[in-house]
Structure formats: structure tokens, C-alpha cells
């Protein structure tokens, strides 16, 4: 159960990360990265961000690249939210495959 503060911080981080990824993926034609969910630890030191990547075939490679550059993304996030948060949490990114899962279930139900 998240506290009110945790949910507010999650929404703030999700909004800012979405803007960061939107800006960074403009140069990559045909790739779209969106932040589908953000979860934060109770002590607000670790953030788990779930990314939805289109096309999904490139999802693993893109998320691996994003995790490799997480320090630069954390720095950019820190510049954007430095007046709202005292400590910028550590970022961990994961592939959100819920859309692929729903698509697979639909295919199985149609058979």
C-alpha cells in the first residue's frame, strides 16, 4: 500500500521521465518509449520504472541501453525535480510487456 507522498512522487517521476524519453527518442525514427508505471520503495531511494517500447521486438535492447545510461538519466531527472525532491532516487528500468500479454491472450481466445 503506497502512501500519499509515494504516489505523488511516482506521478511526478513518471511525468518527467516520459518527457525525457520523448525528447531523446525524437532522433530515433520509428521508436516510441513510454513510461507505463513507476513504483518507489518506502524509503524513496529506489524507483522501478516500467517502460513500454514500440516496436516490441527492440524492447530488450532499448531497455538494456537505458539501464546502461541510467546515471545520465538520473542527472537529467535531478535537474528537473530538484526543487520538489531532496534526494533523487536510484533508477531501475524494466520492460512492461502487459500489452504483449493481452495480445497473446486475445489470440488464444480467438482460436
N, C-alpha and C. Protein backbone atom coordinates (compact mmCIF):
# COMPACT_ATOMS: atom_id res chain seq x y z
N UNK A 1 0.84 -1.18 0.00
CA UNK A 1 0.00 0.00 0.00
C UNK A 1 0.89 1.24 0.00
N UNK A 2 0.75 2.05 -1.03
CA UNK A 2 1.56 3.27 -1.14
C UNK A 2 0.94 4.39 -0.32
N UNK A 3 1.81 5.19 0.26
CA UNK A 3 1.33 6.38 0.95
C UNK A 3 1.01 7.46 -0.07
N UNK A 4 0.37 8.51 0.39
CA UNK A 4 0.02 9.63 -0.50
C UNK A 4 1.28 10.26 -1.05
N UNK A 5 2.29 10.42 -0.22
CA UNK A 5 3.55 11.01 -0.67
C UNK A 5 4.20 10.15 -1.75
N UNK A 6 4.22 8.85 -1.55
CA UNK A 6 4.81 7.96 -2.54
C UNK A 6 4.08 8.06 -3.87
N UNK A 7 2.77 8.09 -3.85
CA UNK A 7 2.03 8.16 -5.11
C UNK A 7 2.25 9.50 -5.82
N UNK A 8 2.37 10.59 -5.06
CA UNK A 8 2.65 11.89 -5.68
C UNK A 8 4.03 11.91 -6.31
N UNK A 9 5.01 11.35 -5.61
CA UNK A 9 6.37 11.30 -6.15
C UNK A 9 6.43 10.40 -7.38
N UNK A 10 5.69 9.29 -7.35
CA UNK A 10 5.63 8.40 -8.52
C UNK A 10 5.06 9.11 -9.73
N UNK A 11 3.98 9.85 -9.55
CA UNK A 11 3.38 10.59 -10.67
C UNK A 11 4.34 11.64 -11.21
N UNK A 12 5.03 12.35 -10.31
CA UNK A 12 6.00 13.37 -10.74
C UNK A 12 7.12 12.74 -11.55
N UNK A 13 7.68 11.64 -11.04
CA UNK A 13 8.80 10.98 -11.73
C UNK A 13 8.33 10.41 -13.06
N UNK A 14 7.13 9.83 -13.10
CA UNK A 14 6.61 9.28 -14.35
C UNK A 14 6.46 10.38 -15.40
N UNK A 15 5.94 11.51 -15.01
CA UNK A 15 5.75 12.63 -15.94
C UNK A 15 7.09 13.11 -16.48
N UNK A 16 8.05 13.31 -15.60
CA UNK A 16 9.35 13.83 -16.02
C UNK A 16 10.12 12.82 -16.86
N UNK A 17 10.09 11.54 -16.49
CA UNK A 17 10.76 10.52 -17.29
C UNK A 17 10.13 10.41 -18.67
N UNK A 18 8.81 10.54 -18.75
CA UNK A 18 8.14 10.50 -20.05
C UNK A 18 8.62 11.62 -20.95
N UNK A 19 8.77 12.81 -20.39
CA UNK A 19 9.26 13.94 -21.18
C UNK A 19 10.71 13.73 -21.60
N UNK A 20 11.53 13.18 -20.71
CA UNK A 20 12.94 12.91 -21.05
C UNK A 20 13.02 11.92 -22.21
N UNK A 21 12.25 10.81 -22.13
CA UNK A 21 12.30 9.80 -23.19
C UNK A 21 11.69 10.31 -24.48
N UNK A 22 10.68 11.14 -24.40
CA UNK A 22 10.09 11.73 -25.60
C UNK A 22 11.13 12.58 -26.33
N UNK A 23 11.87 13.37 -25.57
CA UNK A 23 12.91 14.22 -26.16
C UNK A 23 14.04 13.39 -26.75
N UNK A 24 14.45 12.32 -26.05
CA UNK A 24 15.58 11.51 -26.50
C UNK A 24 15.23 10.63 -27.70
N UNK A 25 13.99 10.20 -27.82
CA UNK A 25 13.64 9.29 -28.92
C UNK A 25 13.18 10.02 -30.17
N UNK A 26 13.15 11.34 -30.15
CA UNK A 26 12.79 12.07 -31.37
C UNK A 26 13.78 11.80 -32.49
N UNK A 27 15.05 11.61 -32.13
CA UNK A 27 16.07 11.38 -33.15
C UNK A 27 16.04 9.95 -33.69
N UNK A 28 15.41 9.03 -32.96
CA UNK A 28 15.33 7.63 -33.38
C UNK A 28 14.02 7.42 -34.13
N UNK A 29 14.08 7.30 -35.43
CA UNK A 29 12.87 7.15 -36.24
C UNK A 29 12.23 5.79 -36.00
N UNK A 30 10.93 5.78 -35.78
CA UNK A 30 10.20 4.54 -35.64
C UNK A 30 10.26 3.90 -34.28
N UNK A 31 10.77 4.60 -33.26
CA UNK A 31 10.86 4.05 -31.91
C UNK A 31 10.09 4.96 -30.97
N UNK A 32 9.26 4.35 -30.14
CA UNK A 32 8.48 5.09 -29.16
C UNK A 32 8.66 4.44 -27.80
N UNK A 33 9.08 5.21 -26.81
CA UNK A 33 9.26 4.72 -25.45
C UNK A 33 8.34 5.51 -24.54
N UNK A 34 7.49 4.80 -23.80
CA UNK A 34 6.61 5.47 -22.85
C UNK A 34 6.75 4.81 -21.48
N UNK A 35 6.55 5.59 -20.45
CA UNK A 35 6.65 5.10 -19.09
C UNK A 35 5.25 4.70 -18.65
N UNK A 36 5.02 3.38 -18.51
CA UNK A 36 3.67 2.91 -18.20
C UNK A 36 3.39 2.89 -16.71
N UNK A 37 4.40 2.66 -15.88
CA UNK A 37 4.19 2.63 -14.43
C UNK A 37 5.49 2.95 -13.72
N UNK A 38 5.36 3.55 -12.54
CA UNK A 38 6.51 3.85 -11.69
C UNK A 38 6.18 3.40 -10.28
N UNK A 39 7.08 2.65 -9.68
CA UNK A 39 6.92 2.22 -8.29
C UNK A 39 8.14 2.71 -7.52
N UNK A 40 7.93 3.17 -6.29
CA UNK A 40 9.02 3.69 -5.48
C UNK A 40 9.06 2.92 -4.17
N UNK A 41 10.26 2.71 -3.67
CA UNK A 41 10.43 2.00 -2.41
C UNK A 41 9.91 2.86 -1.25
N UNK A 42 9.56 2.25 -0.13
CA UNK A 42 9.03 3.04 1.01
C UNK A 42 9.97 4.13 1.52
N UNK A 43 11.28 3.90 1.42
CA UNK A 43 12.22 4.93 1.86
C UNK A 43 12.57 5.92 0.74
N UNK A 44 11.92 5.78 -0.42
CA UNK A 44 12.07 6.66 -1.57
C UNK A 44 13.51 6.74 -2.09
N UNK A 45 14.21 5.62 -2.05
CA UNK A 45 15.58 5.60 -2.54
C UNK A 45 15.72 4.87 -3.87
N UNK A 46 14.76 4.03 -4.20
CA UNK A 46 14.84 3.25 -5.44
C UNK A 46 13.53 3.36 -6.19
N UNK A 47 13.62 3.65 -7.48
CA UNK A 47 12.45 3.73 -8.35
C UNK A 47 12.54 2.62 -9.38
N UNK A 48 11.44 1.90 -9.55
CA UNK A 48 11.31 0.88 -10.59
C UNK A 48 10.37 1.46 -11.64
N UNK A 49 10.90 1.74 -12.81
CA UNK A 49 10.10 2.31 -13.90
C UNK A 49 9.88 1.24 -14.96
N UNK A 50 8.62 1.07 -15.35
CA UNK A 50 8.26 0.08 -16.36
C UNK A 50 8.02 0.80 -17.68
N UNK A 51 8.77 0.39 -18.70
CA UNK A 51 8.75 1.07 -19.99
C UNK A 51 8.04 0.21 -21.03
N UNK A 52 7.19 0.87 -21.79
CA UNK A 52 6.53 0.23 -22.92
C UNK A 52 7.22 0.74 -24.18
N UNK A 53 7.76 -0.18 -24.98
CA UNK A 53 8.56 0.18 -26.14
C UNK A 53 7.87 -0.30 -27.40
N UNK A 54 7.80 0.58 -28.40
CA UNK A 54 7.28 0.21 -29.71
C UNK A 54 8.37 0.45 -30.73
N UNK A 55 8.73 -0.47 -31.55
CA UNK A 55 8.24 -1.83 -31.69
C UNK A 55 8.78 -2.73 -30.59
N UNK A 56 7.96 -3.69 -30.19
CA UNK A 56 8.31 -4.53 -29.04
C UNK A 56 9.48 -5.47 -29.32
N UNK A 57 9.84 -5.66 -30.59
CA UNK A 57 10.99 -6.51 -30.92
C UNK A 57 12.29 -5.88 -30.42
N UNK A 58 12.34 -4.56 -30.34
CA UNK A 58 13.55 -3.87 -29.90
C UNK A 58 13.54 -3.56 -28.40
N UNK A 59 12.52 -4.00 -27.68
CA UNK A 59 12.32 -3.60 -26.29
C UNK A 59 13.50 -3.97 -25.39
N UNK A 60 13.96 -5.21 -25.48
CA UNK A 60 15.05 -5.66 -24.60
C UNK A 60 16.32 -4.85 -24.82
N UNK A 61 16.67 -4.61 -26.09
CA UNK A 61 17.88 -3.86 -26.39
C UNK A 61 17.78 -2.41 -25.91
N UNK A 62 16.62 -1.80 -26.11
CA UNK A 62 16.46 -0.40 -25.72
C UNK A 62 16.49 -0.25 -24.21
N UNK A 63 15.81 -1.15 -23.49
CA UNK A 63 15.82 -1.06 -22.02
C UNK A 63 17.21 -1.36 -21.46
N UNK A 64 17.94 -2.27 -22.10
CA UNK A 64 19.31 -2.54 -21.66
C UNK A 64 20.18 -1.30 -21.85
N UNK A 65 20.00 -0.60 -22.97
CA UNK A 65 20.73 0.63 -23.23
C UNK A 65 20.34 1.73 -22.22
N UNK A 66 19.06 1.82 -21.92
CA UNK A 66 18.59 2.82 -20.95
C UNK A 66 19.17 2.53 -19.57
N UNK A 67 19.20 1.25 -19.17
CA UNK A 67 19.79 0.90 -17.87
C UNK A 67 21.28 1.22 -17.83
N UNK A 68 21.96 1.06 -18.97
CA UNK A 68 23.39 1.39 -19.02
C UNK A 68 23.61 2.89 -18.85
N UNK A 69 22.65 3.70 -19.30
CA UNK A 69 22.76 5.16 -19.20
C UNK A 69 21.90 5.74 -18.08
N UNK A 70 21.60 4.94 -17.06
CA UNK A 70 20.69 5.39 -16.01
C UNK A 70 21.27 6.54 -15.19
N UNK A 71 22.59 6.63 -15.09
CA UNK A 71 23.18 7.74 -14.33
C UNK A 71 22.94 9.08 -15.02
N UNK A 72 23.05 9.10 -16.34
CA UNK A 72 22.79 10.33 -17.08
C UNK A 72 21.31 10.70 -17.00
N UNK A 73 20.44 9.70 -17.05
CA UNK A 73 19.00 9.95 -16.95
C UNK A 73 18.66 10.45 -15.54
N UNK A 74 19.30 9.88 -14.53
CA UNK A 74 19.09 10.34 -13.14
C UNK A 74 19.54 11.78 -12.98
N UNK A 75 20.64 12.14 -13.61
CA UNK A 75 21.14 13.52 -13.55
C UNK A 75 20.14 14.48 -14.20
N UNK A 76 19.61 14.10 -15.36
CA UNK A 76 18.62 14.93 -16.05
C UNK A 76 17.35 15.04 -15.21
N UNK A 77 16.93 13.93 -14.62
CA UNK A 77 15.75 13.95 -13.75
C UNK A 77 16.00 14.85 -12.54
N UNK A 78 17.20 14.79 -12.00
CA UNK A 78 17.55 15.63 -10.86
C UNK A 78 17.49 17.11 -11.19
N UNK A 79 17.91 17.47 -12.38
CA UNK A 79 17.83 18.87 -12.81
C UNK A 79 16.38 19.33 -12.91
N UNK A 80 15.49 18.41 -13.29
CA UNK A 80 14.08 18.79 -13.49
C UNK A 80 13.29 18.85 -12.18
N UNK A 81 13.62 18.00 -11.21
CA UNK A 81 12.82 17.92 -9.97
C UNK A 81 13.59 18.36 -8.73
N UNK A 82 14.65 19.09 -8.90
CA UNK A 82 15.49 19.44 -7.75
C UNK A 82 14.77 20.32 -6.73
N UNK A 83 13.73 21.01 -7.14
CA UNK A 83 13.01 21.86 -6.19
C UNK A 83 11.89 21.10 -5.48
N UNK A 84 11.51 19.93 -6.00
CA UNK A 84 10.45 19.15 -5.38
C UNK A 84 10.97 18.03 -4.49
N UNK A 85 12.13 17.46 -4.86
CA UNK A 85 12.68 16.33 -4.11
C UNK A 85 14.05 16.67 -3.54
N UNK A 86 14.29 16.23 -2.32
CA UNK A 86 15.58 16.47 -1.70
C UNK A 86 16.63 15.48 -2.22
N UNK A 87 16.24 14.20 -2.30
CA UNK A 87 17.15 13.16 -2.77
C UNK A 87 16.55 12.54 -4.03
N UNK A 88 17.36 12.47 -5.07
CA UNK A 88 16.91 11.86 -6.33
C UNK A 88 17.14 10.35 -6.22
N UNK A 89 16.08 9.55 -6.37
CA UNK A 89 16.23 8.10 -6.19
C UNK A 89 17.02 7.43 -7.31
N UNK A 90 17.54 6.27 -6.99
CA UNK A 90 18.23 5.44 -7.98
C UNK A 90 17.18 4.87 -8.93
N UNK A 91 17.50 4.84 -10.22
CA UNK A 91 16.55 4.42 -11.24
C UNK A 91 16.87 3.03 -11.75
N UNK A 92 15.83 2.20 -11.84
CA UNK A 92 15.94 0.87 -12.45
C UNK A 92 14.79 0.75 -13.45
N UNK A 93 15.12 0.31 -14.66
CA UNK A 93 14.13 0.25 -15.73
C UNK A 93 13.86 -1.19 -16.12
N UNK A 94 12.58 -1.47 -16.39
CA UNK A 94 12.14 -2.81 -16.76
C UNK A 94 11.19 -2.71 -17.95
N UNK A 95 11.11 -3.80 -18.72
CA UNK A 95 10.20 -3.85 -19.87
C UNK A 95 8.80 -4.15 -19.35
N UNK A 96 7.84 -3.35 -19.78
CA UNK A 96 6.44 -3.60 -19.47
C UNK A 96 5.84 -4.35 -20.65
N UNK A 97 5.62 -5.63 -20.47
CA UNK A 97 5.11 -6.46 -21.56
C UNK A 97 3.63 -6.79 -21.38
N UNK A 98 2.92 -5.96 -20.66
CA UNK A 98 1.50 -6.24 -20.43
C UNK A 98 0.68 -6.17 -21.72
N UNK A 99 1.04 -5.27 -22.65
CA UNK A 99 0.31 -5.20 -23.92
C UNK A 99 0.54 -6.46 -24.76
N UNK A 100 1.76 -6.98 -24.76
CA UNK A 100 2.03 -8.23 -25.47
C UNK A 100 1.27 -9.39 -24.84
N UNK A 101 1.17 -9.36 -23.52
CA UNK A 101 0.44 -10.41 -22.80
C UNK A 101 -1.05 -10.38 -23.17
N UNK A 102 -1.64 -9.19 -23.21
CA UNK A 102 -3.04 -9.05 -23.57
C UNK A 102 -3.27 -9.50 -25.01
N UNK A 103 -2.36 -9.16 -25.90
CA UNK A 103 -2.46 -9.56 -27.30
C UNK A 103 -2.41 -11.08 -27.43
N UNK A 104 -1.54 -11.70 -26.68
CA UNK A 104 -1.40 -13.17 -26.70
C UNK A 104 -2.67 -13.84 -26.19
N UNK A 105 -3.25 -13.31 -25.12
CA UNK A 105 -4.49 -13.86 -24.59
C UNK A 105 -5.62 -13.75 -25.61
N UNK A 106 -5.71 -12.59 -26.28
CA UNK A 106 -6.71 -12.40 -27.32
C UNK A 106 -6.57 -13.43 -28.44
N UNK A 107 -5.33 -13.67 -28.85
CA UNK A 107 -5.08 -14.66 -29.90
C UNK A 107 -5.53 -16.05 -29.46
N UNK A 108 -5.25 -16.40 -28.23
CA UNK A 108 -5.63 -17.72 -27.73
C UNK A 108 -7.15 -17.87 -27.61
N UNK A 109 -7.82 -16.79 -27.24
CA UNK A 109 -9.27 -16.85 -27.11
C UNK A 109 -9.99 -16.91 -28.46
N UNK A 110 -9.37 -16.38 -29.51
CA UNK A 110 -9.99 -16.41 -30.84
C UNK A 110 -9.94 -17.79 -31.47
N UNK A 111 -9.04 -18.64 -31.02
CA UNK A 111 -8.89 -19.98 -31.61
C UNK A 111 -10.00 -20.90 -31.21
